[in-house]
Amino acid sequence: ARLLPGAGVAERFLFGEPEPAPRALTAGREPLRAGMAELLERAVTESR
């Protein structure tokens, strides 16, 4: 079952394992957001 999609969420629900800390999740996603922000800025400023 651990190999199936969504298995981590189901296992935490059944066995009470703690959710990842929201702050840690936010920090881990920051590079993705920064990369997307850079692309959107370039889309506005770069030439054809």
All heavy atoms as atom14 arrays in JSON, in Angstrom:
{
  "sequence": "ARLLPGAGVAERFLFGEPEPAPRALTAGREPLRAGMAELLERAVTESR",
  "atom14_mask": [
    [1, 1, 1, 1, 1, 0, 0, 0, 0, 0, 0, 0, 0, 0],
    [1, 1, 1, 1, 1, 1, 1, 1, 1, 1, 1, 0, 0, 0],
    [1, 1, 1, 1, 1, 1, 1, 1, 0, 0, 0, 0, 0, 0],
    [1, 1, 1, 1, 1, 1, 1, 1, 0, 0, 0, 0, 0, 0],
    [1, 1, 1, 1, 1, 1, 1, 0, 0, 0, 0, 0, 0, 0],
    [1, 1, 1, 1, 0, 0, 0, 0, 0, 0, 0, 0, 0, 0],
    [1, 1, 1, 1, 1, 0, 0, 0, 0, 0, 0, 0, 0, 0],
    [1, 1, 1, 1, 0, 0, 0, 0, 0, 0, 0, 0, 0, 0],
    [1, 1, 1, 1, 1, 1, 1, 0, 0, 0, 0, 0, 0, 0],
    [1, 1, 1, 1, 1, 0, 0, 0, 0, 0, 0, 0, 0, 0],
    [1, 1, 1, 1, 1, 1, 1, 1, 1, 0, 0, 0, 0, 0],
    [1, 1, 1, 1, 1, 1, 1, 1, 1, 1, 1, 0, 0, 0],
    [1, 1, 1, 1, 1, 1, 1, 1, 1, 1, 1, 0, 0, 0],
    [1, 1, 1, 1, 1, 1, 1, 1, 0, 0, 0, 0, 0, 0],
    [1, 1, 1, 1, 1, 1, 1, 1, 1, 1, 1, 0, 0, 0],
    [1, 1, 1, 1, 0, 0, 0, 0, 0, 0, 0, 0, 0, 0],
    [1, 1, 1, 1, 1, 1, 1, 1, 1, 0, 0, 0, 0, 0],
    [1, 1, 1, 1, 1, 1, 1, 0, 0, 0, 0, 0, 0, 0],
    [1, 1, 1, 1, 1, 1, 1, 1, 1, 0, 0, 0, 0, 0],
    [1, 1, 1, 1, 1, 1, 1, 0, 0, 0, 0, 0, 0, 0],
    [1, 1, 1, 1, 1, 0, 0, 0, 0, 0, 0, 0, 0, 0],
    [1, 1, 1, 1, 1, 1, 1, 0, 0, 0, 0, 0, 0, 0],
    [1, 1, 1, 1, 1, 1, 1, 1, 1, 1, 1, 0, 0, 0],
    [1, 1, 1, 1, 1, 0, 0, 0, 0, 0, 0, 0, 0, 0],
    [1, 1, 1, 1, 1, 1, 1, 1, 0, 0, 0, 0, 0, 0],
    [1, 1, 1, 1, 1, 1, 1, 0, 0, 0, 0, 0, 0, 0],
    [1, 1, 1, 1, 1, 0, 0, 0, 0, 0, 0, 0, 0, 0],
    [1, 1, 1, 1, 0, 0, 0, 0, 0, 0, 0, 0, 0, 0],
    [1, 1, 1, 1, 1, 1, 1, 1, 1, 1, 1, 0, 0, 0],
    [1, 1, 1, 1, 1, 1, 1, 1, 1, 0, 0, 0, 0, 0],
    [1, 1, 1, 1, 1, 1, 1, 0, 0, 0, 0, 0, 0, 0],
    [1, 1, 1, 1, 1, 1, 1, 1, 0, 0, 0, 0, 0, 0],
    [1, 1, 1, 1, 1, 1, 1, 1, 1, 1, 1, 0, 0, 0],
    [1, 1, 1, 1, 1, 0, 0, 0, 0, 0, 0, 0, 0, 0],
    [1, 1, 1, 1, 0, 0, 0, 0, 0, 0, 0, 0, 0, 0],
    [1, 1, 1, 1, 1, 1, 1, 1, 0, 0, 0, 0, 0, 0],
    [1, 1, 1, 1, 1, 0, 0, 0, 0, 0, 0, 0, 0, 0],
    [1, 1, 1, 1, 1, 1, 1, 1, 1, 0, 0, 0, 0, 0],
    [1, 1, 1, 1, 1, 1, 1, 1, 0, 0, 0, 0, 0, 0],
    [1, 1, 1, 1, 1, 1, 1, 1, 0, 0, 0, 0, 0, 0],
    [1, 1, 1, 1, 1, 1, 1, 1, 1, 0, 0, 0, 0, 0],
    [1, 1, 1, 1, 1, 1, 1, 1, 1, 1, 1, 0, 0, 0],
    [1, 1, 1, 1, 1, 0, 0, 0, 0, 0, 0, 0, 0, 0],
    [1, 1, 1, 1, 1, 1, 1, 0, 0, 0, 0, 0, 0, 0],
    [1, 1, 1, 1, 1, 1, 1, 0, 0, 0, 0, 0, 0, 0],
    [1, 1, 1, 1, 1, 1, 1, 1, 1, 0, 0, 0, 0, 0],
    [1, 1, 1, 1, 1, 1, 0, 0, 0, 0, 0, 0, 0, 0],
    [1, 1, 1, 1, 1, 1, 1, 1, 1, 1, 1, 0, 0, 0]
  ],
  "atom14_positions": [
    [[0.82, -1.21, 0.0], [0.0, 0.0, 0.0], [0.85, 1.26, 0.0], [0.45, 2.28, -0.54], [-0.92, 0.0, 1.22], [0.0, 0.0, 0.0], [0.0, 0.0, 0.0], [0.0, 0.0, 0.0], [0.0, 0.0, 0.0], [0.0, 0.0, 0.0], [0.0, 0.0, 0.0], [0.0, 0.0, 0.0], [0.0, 0.0, 0.0], [0.0, 0.0, 0.0]],
    [[2.04, 1.18, 0.6], [2.91, 2.36, 0.66], [3.39, 2.78, -0.72], [3.87, 3.9, -0.91], [4.12, 2.08, 1.56], [3.77, 2.15, 3.05], [4.9, 1.66, 3.91], [4.62, 1.87, 5.32], [5.26, 1.22, 6.29], [6.22, 0.34, 6.01], [4.94, 1.45, 7.56], [0.0, 0.0, 0.0], [0.0, 0.0, 0.0], [0.0, 0.0, 0.0]],
    [[3.3, 1.88, -1.71], [3.72, 2.2, -3.06], [2.65, 2.93, -3.85], [2.92, 3.45, -4.93], [4.1, 0.9, -3.82], [5.21, 0.06, -3.18], [5.41, -1.2, -3.99], [6.51, 0.85, -3.11], [0.0, 0.0, 0.0], [0.0, 0.0, 0.0], [0.0, 0.0, 0.0], [0.0, 0.0, 0.0], [0.0, 0.0, 0.0], [0.0, 0.0, 0.0]],
    [[1.41, 2.95, -3.34], [0.3, 3.54, -4.07], [0.27, 5.05, -3.89], [0.77, 5.59, -2.9], [-1.02, 2.94, -3.58], [-1.16, 1.42, -3.75], [-2.47, 0.96, -3.14], [-1.09, 1.04, -5.21], [0.0, 0.0, 0.0], [0.0, 0.0, 0.0], [0.0, 0.0, 0.0], [0.0, 0.0, 0.0], [0.0, 0.0, 0.0], [0.0, 0.0, 0.0]],
    [[-0.32, 5.79, -4.9], [-0.46, 7.25, -4.75], [-1.26, 7.61, -3.51], [-2.26, 6.99, -3.2], [-1.21, 7.66, -6.04], [-0.96, 6.54, -7.0], [-0.83, 5.3, -6.17], [0.0, 0.0, 0.0], [0.0, 0.0, 0.0], [0.0, 0.0, 0.0], [0.0, 0.0, 0.0], [0.0, 0.0, 0.0], [0.0, 0.0, 0.0], [0.0, 0.0, 0.0]],
    [[-0.79, 8.62, -2.8], [-1.5, 9.07, -1.59], [-1.29, 8.19, -0.39], [-1.94, 8.36, 0.64], [0.0, 0.0, 0.0], [0.0, 0.0, 0.0], [0.0, 0.0, 0.0], [0.0, 0.0, 0.0], [0.0, 0.0, 0.0], [0.0, 0.0, 0.0], [0.0, 0.0, 0.0], [0.0, 0.0, 0.0], [0.0, 0.0, 0.0], [0.0, 0.0, 0.0]],
    [[-0.38, 7.22, -0.48], [-0.19, 6.28, 0.63], [0.3, 6.99, 1.89], [-0.08, 6.65, 3.0], [0.79, 5.19, 0.23], [0.0, 0.0, 0.0], [0.0, 0.0, 0.0], [0.0, 0.0, 0.0], [0.0, 0.0, 0.0], [0.0, 0.0, 0.0], [0.0, 0.0, 0.0], [0.0, 0.0, 0.0], [0.0, 0.0, 0.0], [0.0, 0.0, 0.0]],
    [[1.15, 8.02, 1.71], [1.68, 8.71, 2.88], [0.59, 9.38, 3.69], [0.57, 9.32, 4.93], [0.0, 0.0, 0.0], [0.0, 0.0, 0.0], [0.0, 0.0, 0.0], [0.0, 0.0, 0.0], [0.0, 0.0, 0.0], [0.0, 0.0, 0.0], [0.0, 0.0, 0.0], [0.0, 0.0, 0.0], [0.0, 0.0, 0.0], [0.0, 0.0, 0.0]],
    [[-0.36, 10.02, 3.01], [-1.45, 10.69, 3.71], [-2.3, 9.68, 4.46], [-2.67, 9.86, 5.63], [-2.32, 11.49, 2.72], [-3.53, 12.1, 3.43], [-1.49, 12.58, 2.05], [0.0, 0.0, 0.0], [0.0, 0.0, 0.0], [0.0, 0.0, 0.0], [0.0, 0.0, 0.0], [0.0, 0.0, 0.0], [0.0, 0.0, 0.0], [0.0, 0.0, 0.0]],
    [[-2.64, 8.55, 3.77], [-3.48, 7.53, 4.4], [-2.79, 6.92, 5.62], [-3.41, 6.68, 6.66], [-3.82, 6.45, 3.38], [0.0, 0.0, 0.0], [0.0, 0.0, 0.0], [0.0, 0.0, 0.0], [0.0, 0.0, 0.0], [0.0, 0.0, 0.0], [0.0, 0.0, 0.0], [0.0, 0.0, 0.0], [0.0, 0.0, 0.0], [0.0, 0.0, 0.0]],
    [[-1.49, 6.67, 5.52], [-0.77, 6.05, 6.63], [-0.71, 6.98, 7.83], [-0.87, 6.55, 8.98], [0.65, 5.68, 6.18], [1.4, 4.86, 7.21], [2.71, 4.34, 6.67], [2.98, 4.56, 5.47], [3.47, 3.74, 7.43], [0.0, 0.0, 0.0], [0.0, 0.0, 0.0], [0.0, 0.0, 0.0], [0.0, 0.0, 0.0], [0.0, 0.0, 0.0]],
    [[-0.51, 8.29, 7.58], [-0.5, 9.23, 8.7], [-1.87, 9.3, 9.37], [-1.97, 9.44, 10.59], [-0.08, 10.62, 8.2], [1.41, 10.75, 7.88], [1.82, 12.19, 7.71], [1.17, 12.82, 6.58], [1.66, 12.81, 5.35], [2.8, 12.18, 5.1], [1.02, 13.41, 4.37], [0.0, 0.0, 0.0], [0.0, 0.0, 0.0], [0.0, 0.0, 0.0]],
    [[-2.94, 9.19, 8.55], [-4.29, 9.23, 9.11], [-4.56, 8.0, 9.99], [-5.13, 8.09, 11.07], [-5.31, 9.3, 7.98], [-6.74, 9.26, 8.45], [-7.35, 10.38, 8.98], [-7.48, 8.08, 8.36], [-8.66, 10.34, 9.41], [-8.78, 8.03, 8.79], [-9.38, 9.16, 9.32], [0.0, 0.0, 0.0], [0.0, 0.0, 0.0], [0.0, 0.0, 0.0]],
    [[-4.13, 6.81, 9.5], [-4.42, 5.57, 10.22], [-3.55, 5.4, 11.45], [-4.02, 4.93, 12.5], [-4.22, 4.38, 9.27], [-5.25, 4.27, 8.13], [-4.83, 3.17, 7.17], [-6.64, 3.99, 8.69], [0.0, 0.0, 0.0], [0.0, 0.0, 0.0], [0.0, 0.0, 0.0], [0.0, 0.0, 0.0], [0.0, 0.0, 0.0], [0.0, 0.0, 0.0]],
    [[-2.28, 5.75, 11.35], [-1.34, 5.43, 12.43], [-0.89, 6.65, 13.21], [-0.04, 6.56, 14.08], [-0.12, 4.7, 11.84], [-0.48, 3.4, 11.18], [-0.59, 3.32, 9.8], [-0.75, 2.27, 11.93], [-0.92, 2.13, 9.2], [-1.08, 1.08, 11.33], [-1.19, 1.0, 9.96], [0.0, 0.0, 0.0], [0.0, 0.0, 0.0], [0.0, 0.0, 0.0]],
    [[-1.43, 7.8, 12.86], [-1.16, 8.98, 13.67], [0.23, 9.54, 13.51], [0.72, 10.22, 14.4], [0.0, 0.0, 0.0], [0.0, 0.0, 0.0], [0.0, 0.0, 0.0], [0.0, 0.0, 0.0], [0.0, 0.0, 0.0], [0.0, 0.0, 0.0], [0.0, 0.0, 0.0], [0.0, 0.0, 0.0], [0.0, 0.0, 0.0], [0.0, 0.0, 0.0]],
    [[0.91, 9.25, 12.38], [2.24, 9.82, 12.19], [2.1, 11.32, 11.95], [1.16, 11.79, 11.31], [2.94, 9.16, 11.0], [3.23, 7.68, 11.26], [4.0, 7.08, 10.1], [4.5, 7.85, 9.26], [4.09, 5.85, 10.05], [0.0, 0.0, 0.0], [0.0, 0.0, 0.0], [0.0, 0.0, 0.0], [0.0, 0.0, 0.0], [0.0, 0.0, 0.0]],
    [[3.03, 12.11, 12.44], [2.9, 13.57, 12.37], [3.02, 14.09, 10.94], [3.77, 13.54, 10.13], [4.07, 14.09, 13.23], [5.07, 12.97, 13.2], [4.27, 11.69, 13.13], [0.0, 0.0, 0.0], [0.0, 0.0, 0.0], [0.0, 0.0, 0.0], [0.0, 0.0, 0.0], [0.0, 0.0, 0.0], [0.0, 0.0, 0.0], [0.0, 0.0, 0.0]],
    [[2.26, 15.13, 10.61], [2.37, 15.82, 9.33], [3.7, 16.58, 9.29], [4.21, 17.0, 10.34], [1.22, 16.82, 9.18], [-0.13, 16.19, 8.96], [-0.34, 15.83, 7.51], [0.52, 16.17, 6.69], [-1.36, 15.18, 7.21], [0.0, 0.0, 0.0], [0.0, 0.0, 0.0], [0.0, 0.0, 0.0], [0.0, 0.0, 0.0], [0.0, 0.0, 0.0]],
    [[4.27, 16.76, 8.09], [5.47, 17.6, 8.0], [5.17, 19.0, 8.5], [4.07, 19.51, 8.34], [5.78, 17.61, 6.5], [5.1, 16.4, 5.96], [3.88, 16.21, 6.8], [0.0, 0.0, 0.0], [0.0, 0.0, 0.0], [0.0, 0.0, 0.0], [0.0, 0.0, 0.0], [0.0, 0.0, 0.0], [0.0, 0.0, 0.0], [0.0, 0.0, 0.0]],
    [[6.14, 19.6, 9.14], [5.96, 20.95, 9.68], [5.66, 21.92, 8.55], [6.37, 21.95, 7.55], [7.22, 21.38, 10.41], [0.0, 0.0, 0.0], [0.0, 0.0, 0.0], [0.0, 0.0, 0.0], [0.0, 0.0, 0.0], [0.0, 0.0, 0.0], [0.0, 0.0, 0.0], [0.0, 0.0, 0.0], [0.0, 0.0, 0.0], [0.0, 0.0, 0.0]],
    [[4.59, 22.74, 8.67], [4.25, 23.7, 7.61], [5.4, 24.61, 7.26], [5.61, 24.93, 6.1], [3.07, 24.47, 8.21], [2.49, 23.54, 9.23], [3.65, 22.78, 9.8], [0.0, 0.0, 0.0], [0.0, 0.0, 0.0], [0.0, 0.0, 0.0], [0.0, 0.0, 0.0], [0.0, 0.0, 0.0], [0.0, 0.0, 0.0], [0.0, 0.0, 0.0]],
    [[6.16, 25.04, 8.25], [7.28, 25.95, 7.98], [8.33, 25.27, 7.11], [8.9, 25.87, 6.2], [7.88, 26.42, 9.3], [8.98, 27.48, 9.13], [9.41, 28.02, 10.47], [8.29, 28.67, 11.17], [8.4, 29.19, 12.38], [9.55, 29.14, 13.03], [7.35, 29.77, 12.95], [0.0, 0.0, 0.0], [0.0, 0.0, 0.0], [0.0, 0.0, 0.0]],
    [[8.58, 23.97, 7.39], [9.57, 23.23, 6.59], [9.09, 23.08, 5.16], [9.87, 23.19, 4.2], [9.83, 21.87, 7.22], [0.0, 0.0, 0.0], [0.0, 0.0, 0.0], [0.0, 0.0, 0.0], [0.0, 0.0, 0.0], [0.0, 0.0, 0.0], [0.0, 0.0, 0.0], [0.0, 0.0, 0.0], [0.0, 0.0, 0.0], [0.0, 0.0, 0.0]],
    [[7.79, 22.81, 4.98], [7.24, 22.69, 3.64], [7.39, 24.01, 2.88], [7.78, 24.04, 1.72], [5.75, 22.3, 3.7], [5.43, 20.81, 3.77], [3.93, 20.62, 3.87], [5.97, 20.09, 2.55], [0.0, 0.0, 0.0], [0.0, 0.0, 0.0], [0.0, 0.0, 0.0], [0.0, 0.0, 0.0], [0.0, 0.0, 0.0], [0.0, 0.0, 0.0]],
    [[7.05, 25.1, 3.52], [7.14, 26.41, 2.89], [8.57, 26.71, 2.47], [8.82, 27.21, 1.37], [6.62, 27.5, 3.85], [5.27, 27.2, 4.2], [6.7, 28.86, 3.19], [0.0, 0.0, 0.0], [0.0, 0.0, 0.0], [0.0, 0.0, 0.0], [0.0, 0.0, 0.0], [0.0, 0.0, 0.0], [0.0, 0.0, 0.0], [0.0, 0.0, 0.0]],
    [[9.52, 26.42, 3.34], [10.92, 26.68, 3.03], [11.39, 25.83, 1.86], [12.14, 26.3, 0.99], [11.78, 26.41, 4.26], [0.0, 0.0, 0.0], [0.0, 0.0, 0.0], [0.0, 0.0, 0.0], [0.0, 0.0, 0.0], [0.0, 0.0, 0.0], [0.0, 0.0, 0.0], [0.0, 0.0, 0.0], [0.0, 0.0, 0.0], [0.0, 0.0, 0.0]],
    [[10.93, 24.58, 1.81], [11.35, 23.71, 0.73], [10.78, 24.11, -0.62], [11.38, 23.83, -1.66], [0.0, 0.0, 0.0], [0.0, 0.0, 0.0], [0.0, 0.0, 0.0], [0.0, 0.0, 0.0], [0.0, 0.0, 0.0], [0.0, 0.0, 0.0], [0.0, 0.0, 0.0], [0.0, 0.0, 0.0], [0.0, 0.0, 0.0], [0.0, 0.0, 0.0]],
    [[9.65, 24.8, -0.61], [9.02, 25.21, -1.87], [9.46, 26.59, -2.33], [9.12, 27.02, -3.43], [7.5, 25.19, -1.7], [6.93, 23.78, -1.58], [5.49, 23.79, -1.17], [4.97, 22.43, -1.05], [3.81, 22.11, -0.5], [3.05, 23.06, 0.03], [3.4, 20.86, -0.44], [0.0, 0.0, 0.0], [0.0, 0.0, 0.0], [0.0, 0.0, 0.0]],
    [[10.18, 27.29, -1.5], [10.57, 28.66, -1.84], [11.39, 28.74, -3.13], [11.16, 29.64, -3.95], [11.35, 29.28, -0.67], [11.6, 30.77, -0.84], [10.3, 31.54, -1.05], [9.27, 31.19, -0.45], [10.33, 32.52, -1.84], [0.0, 0.0, 0.0], [0.0, 0.0, 0.0], [0.0, 0.0, 0.0], [0.0, 0.0, 0.0], [0.0, 0.0, 0.0]],
    [[12.37, 27.83, -3.36], [13.11, 27.89, -4.63], [12.2, 27.73, -5.85], [12.45, 28.34, -6.89], [14.11, 26.73, -4.5], [14.27, 26.53, -3.04], [12.93, 26.81, -2.45], [0.0, 0.0, 0.0], [0.0, 0.0, 0.0], [0.0, 0.0, 0.0], [0.0, 0.0, 0.0], [0.0, 0.0, 0.0], [0.0, 0.0, 0.0], [0.0, 0.0, 0.0]],
    [[11.15, 26.88, -5.73], [10.23, 26.71, -6.84], [9.48, 28.0, -7.12], [9.31, 28.41, -8.28], [9.23, 25.59, -6.52], [9.82, 24.2, -6.26], [8.72, 23.21, -5.89], [10.57, 23.7, -7.48], [0.0, 0.0, 0.0], [0.0, 0.0, 0.0], [0.0, 0.0, 0.0], [0.0, 0.0, 0.0], [0.0, 0.0, 0.0], [0.0, 0.0, 0.0]],
    [[9.03, 28.66, -6.06], [8.3, 29.91, -6.22], [9.21, 31.0, -6.79], [8.79, 31.81, -7.63], [7.71, 30.35, -4.89], [6.61, 29.42, -4.4], [6.24, 29.68, -2.97], [5.15, 28.8, -2.54], [4.83, 28.55, -1.29], [5.53, 29.11, -0.31], [3.83, 27.75, -0.99], [0.0, 0.0, 0.0], [0.0, 0.0, 0.0], [0.0, 0.0, 0.0]],
    [[10.45, 31.02, -6.33], [11.4, 32.02, -6.82], [11.67, 31.79, -8.3], [11.76, 32.74, -9.1], [12.7, 31.97, -6.02], [0.0, 0.0, 0.0], [0.0, 0.0, 0.0], [0.0, 0.0, 0.0], [0.0, 0.0, 0.0], [0.0, 0.0, 0.0], [0.0, 0.0, 0.0], [0.0, 0.0, 0.0], [0.0, 0.0, 0.0], [0.0, 0.0, 0.0]],
    [[11.81, 30.51, -8.68], [12.04, 30.2, -10.09], [10.87, 30.61, -10.96], [11.07, 31.17, -12.05], [0.0, 0.0, 0.0], [0.0, 0.0, 0.0], [0.0, 0.0, 0.0], [0.0, 0.0, 0.0], [0.0, 0.0, 0.0], [0.0, 0.0, 0.0], [0.0, 0.0, 0.0], [0.0, 0.0, 0.0], [0.0, 0.0, 0.0], [0.0, 0.0, 0.0]],
    [[9.65, 30.36, -10.5], [8.47, 30.76, -11.26], [8.38, 32.28, -11.35], [8.03, 32.83, -12.4], [7.22, 30.18, -10.61], [5.93, 30.56, -11.33], [5.89, 30.03, -13.06], [5.63, 28.27, -12.85], [0.0, 0.0, 0.0], [0.0, 0.0, 0.0], [0.0, 0.0, 0.0], [0.0, 0.0, 0.0], [0.0, 0.0, 0.0], [0.0, 0.0, 0.0]],
    [[8.7, 32.97, -10.27], [8.66, 34.44, -10.29], [9.66, 34.99, -11.3], [9.36, 35.95, -12.04], [8.97, 34.99, -8.89], [0.0, 0.0, 0.0], [0.0, 0.0, 0.0], [0.0, 0.0, 0.0], [0.0, 0.0, 0.0], [0.0, 0.0, 0.0], [0.0, 0.0, 0.0], [0.0, 0.0, 0.0], [0.0, 0.0, 0.0], [0.0, 0.0, 0.0]],
    [[10.84, 34.38, -11.37], [11.85, 34.83, -12.33], [11.37, 34.64, -13.76], [11.54, 35.5, -14.62], [13.16, 34.06, -12.1], [14.27, 34.48, -13.06], [15.53, 33.65, -12.87], [15.58, 32.84, -11.92], [16.45, 33.81, -13.68], [0.0, 0.0, 0.0], [0.0, 0.0, 0.0], [0.0, 0.0, 0.0], [0.0, 0.0, 0.0], [0.0, 0.0, 0.0]],
    [[10.73, 33.46, -14.04], [10.22, 33.2, -15.38], [9.14, 34.19, -15.77], [9.11, 34.69, -16.9], [9.67, 31.76, -15.46], [10.71, 30.65, -15.42], [10.02, 29.29, -15.36], [11.62, 30.72, -16.64], [0.0, 0.0, 0.0], [0.0, 0.0, 0.0], [0.0, 0.0, 0.0], [0.0, 0.0, 0.0], [0.0, 0.0, 0.0], [0.0, 0.0, 0.0]],
    [[8.23, 34.49, -14.83], [7.16, 35.43, -15.13], [7.71, 36.83, -15.38], [7.21, 37.56, -16.26], [6.15, 35.45, -13.97], [5.32, 34.17, -13.8], [4.5, 34.23, -12.53], [4.42, 33.95, -15.01], [0.0, 0.0, 0.0], [0.0, 0.0, 0.0], [0.0, 0.0, 0.0], [0.0, 0.0, 0.0], [0.0, 0.0, 0.0], [0.0, 0.0, 0.0]],
    [[8.75, 37.2, -14.64], [9.37, 38.51, -14.86], [10.05, 38.58, -16.21], [9.93, 39.58, -16.95], [10.38, 38.8, -13.74], [11.01, 40.18, -13.85], [11.98, 40.47, -12.71], [12.04, 39.63, -11.77], [12.64, 41.5, -12.75], [0.0, 0.0, 0.0], [0.0, 0.0, 0.0], [0.0, 0.0, 0.0], [0.0, 0.0, 0.0], [0.0, 0.0, 0.0]],
    [[10.74, 37.5, -16.57], [11.39, 37.45, -17.88], [10.38, 37.51, -19.01], [10.63, 38.11, -20.07], [12.25, 36.2, -18.0], [13.55, 36.24, -17.21], [14.25, 34.9, -17.25], [14.42, 34.42, -18.62], [14.82, 33.18, -18.92], [15.08, 32.31, -17.96], [14.96, 32.81, -20.18], [0.0, 0.0, 0.0], [0.0, 0.0, 0.0], [0.0, 0.0, 0.0]],
    [[9.21, 36.86, -18.81], [8.18, 36.86, -19.84], [7.68, 38.26, -20.15], [7.23, 38.56, -21.26], [7.01, 35.96, -19.41], [0.0, 0.0, 0.0], [0.0, 0.0, 0.0], [0.0, 0.0, 0.0], [0.0, 0.0, 0.0], [0.0, 0.0, 0.0], [0.0, 0.0, 0.0], [0.0, 0.0, 0.0], [0.0, 0.0, 0.0], [0.0, 0.0, 0.0]],
    [[7.75, 39.14, -19.15], [7.29, 40.52, -19.33], [8.36, 41.37, -19.99], [8.06, 42.25, -20.82], [6.88, 41.13, -17.98], [6.55, 42.61, -18.12], [5.68, 40.38, -17.4], [0.0, 0.0, 0.0], [0.0, 0.0, 0.0], [0.0, 0.0, 0.0], [0.0, 0.0, 0.0], [0.0, 0.0, 0.0], [0.0, 0.0, 0.0], [0.0, 0.0, 0.0]],
    [[9.61, 41.11, -19.67], [10.68, 42.03, -20.08], [11.46, 41.58, -21.33], [12.0, 42.42, -22.03], [11.69, 42.2, -18.93], [12.24, 40.92, -18.58], [11.0, 42.79, -17.71], [0.0, 0.0, 0.0], [0.0, 0.0, 0.0], [0.0, 0.0, 0.0], [0.0, 0.0, 0.0], [0.0, 0.0, 0.0], [0.0, 0.0, 0.0], [0.0, 0.0, 0.0]],
    [[11.52, 40.27, -21.62], [12.37, 39.84, -22.72], [11.71, 40.07, -24.08], [10.48, 40.08, -24.2], [12.78, 38.37, -22.56], [11.69, 37.36, -22.8], [12.19, 35.94, -22.59], [13.36, 35.76, -22.22], [11.4, 35.0, -22.8], [0.0, 0.0, 0.0], [0.0, 0.0, 0.0], [0.0, 0.0, 0.0], [0.0, 0.0, 0.0], [0.0, 0.0, 0.0]],
    [[12.53, 40.23, -25.09], [12.05, 40.49, -26.44], [11.58, 39.21, -27.11], [11.79, 38.1, -26.59], [13.18, 41.1, -27.28], [14.23, 40.14, -27.45], [0.0, 0.0, 0.0], [0.0, 0.0, 0.0], [0.0, 0.0, 0.0], [0.0, 0.0, 0.0], [0.0, 0.0, 0.0], [0.0, 0.0, 0.0], [0.0, 0.0, 0.0], [0.0, 0.0, 0.0]],
    [[10.94, 39.34, -28.27], [10.48, 38.17, -29.02], [11.67, 37.3, -29.42], [11.61, 36.08, -29.38], [9.68, 38.6, -30.24], [8.37, 39.3, -29.92], [7.64, 39.72, -31.18], [7.29, 38.56, -32.0], [6.69, 38.65, -33.18], [6.41, 39.85, -33.69], [6.39, 37.57, -33.87], [0.0, 0.0, 0.0], [0.0, 0.0, 0.0], [0.0, 0.0, 0.0]]
  ]
}
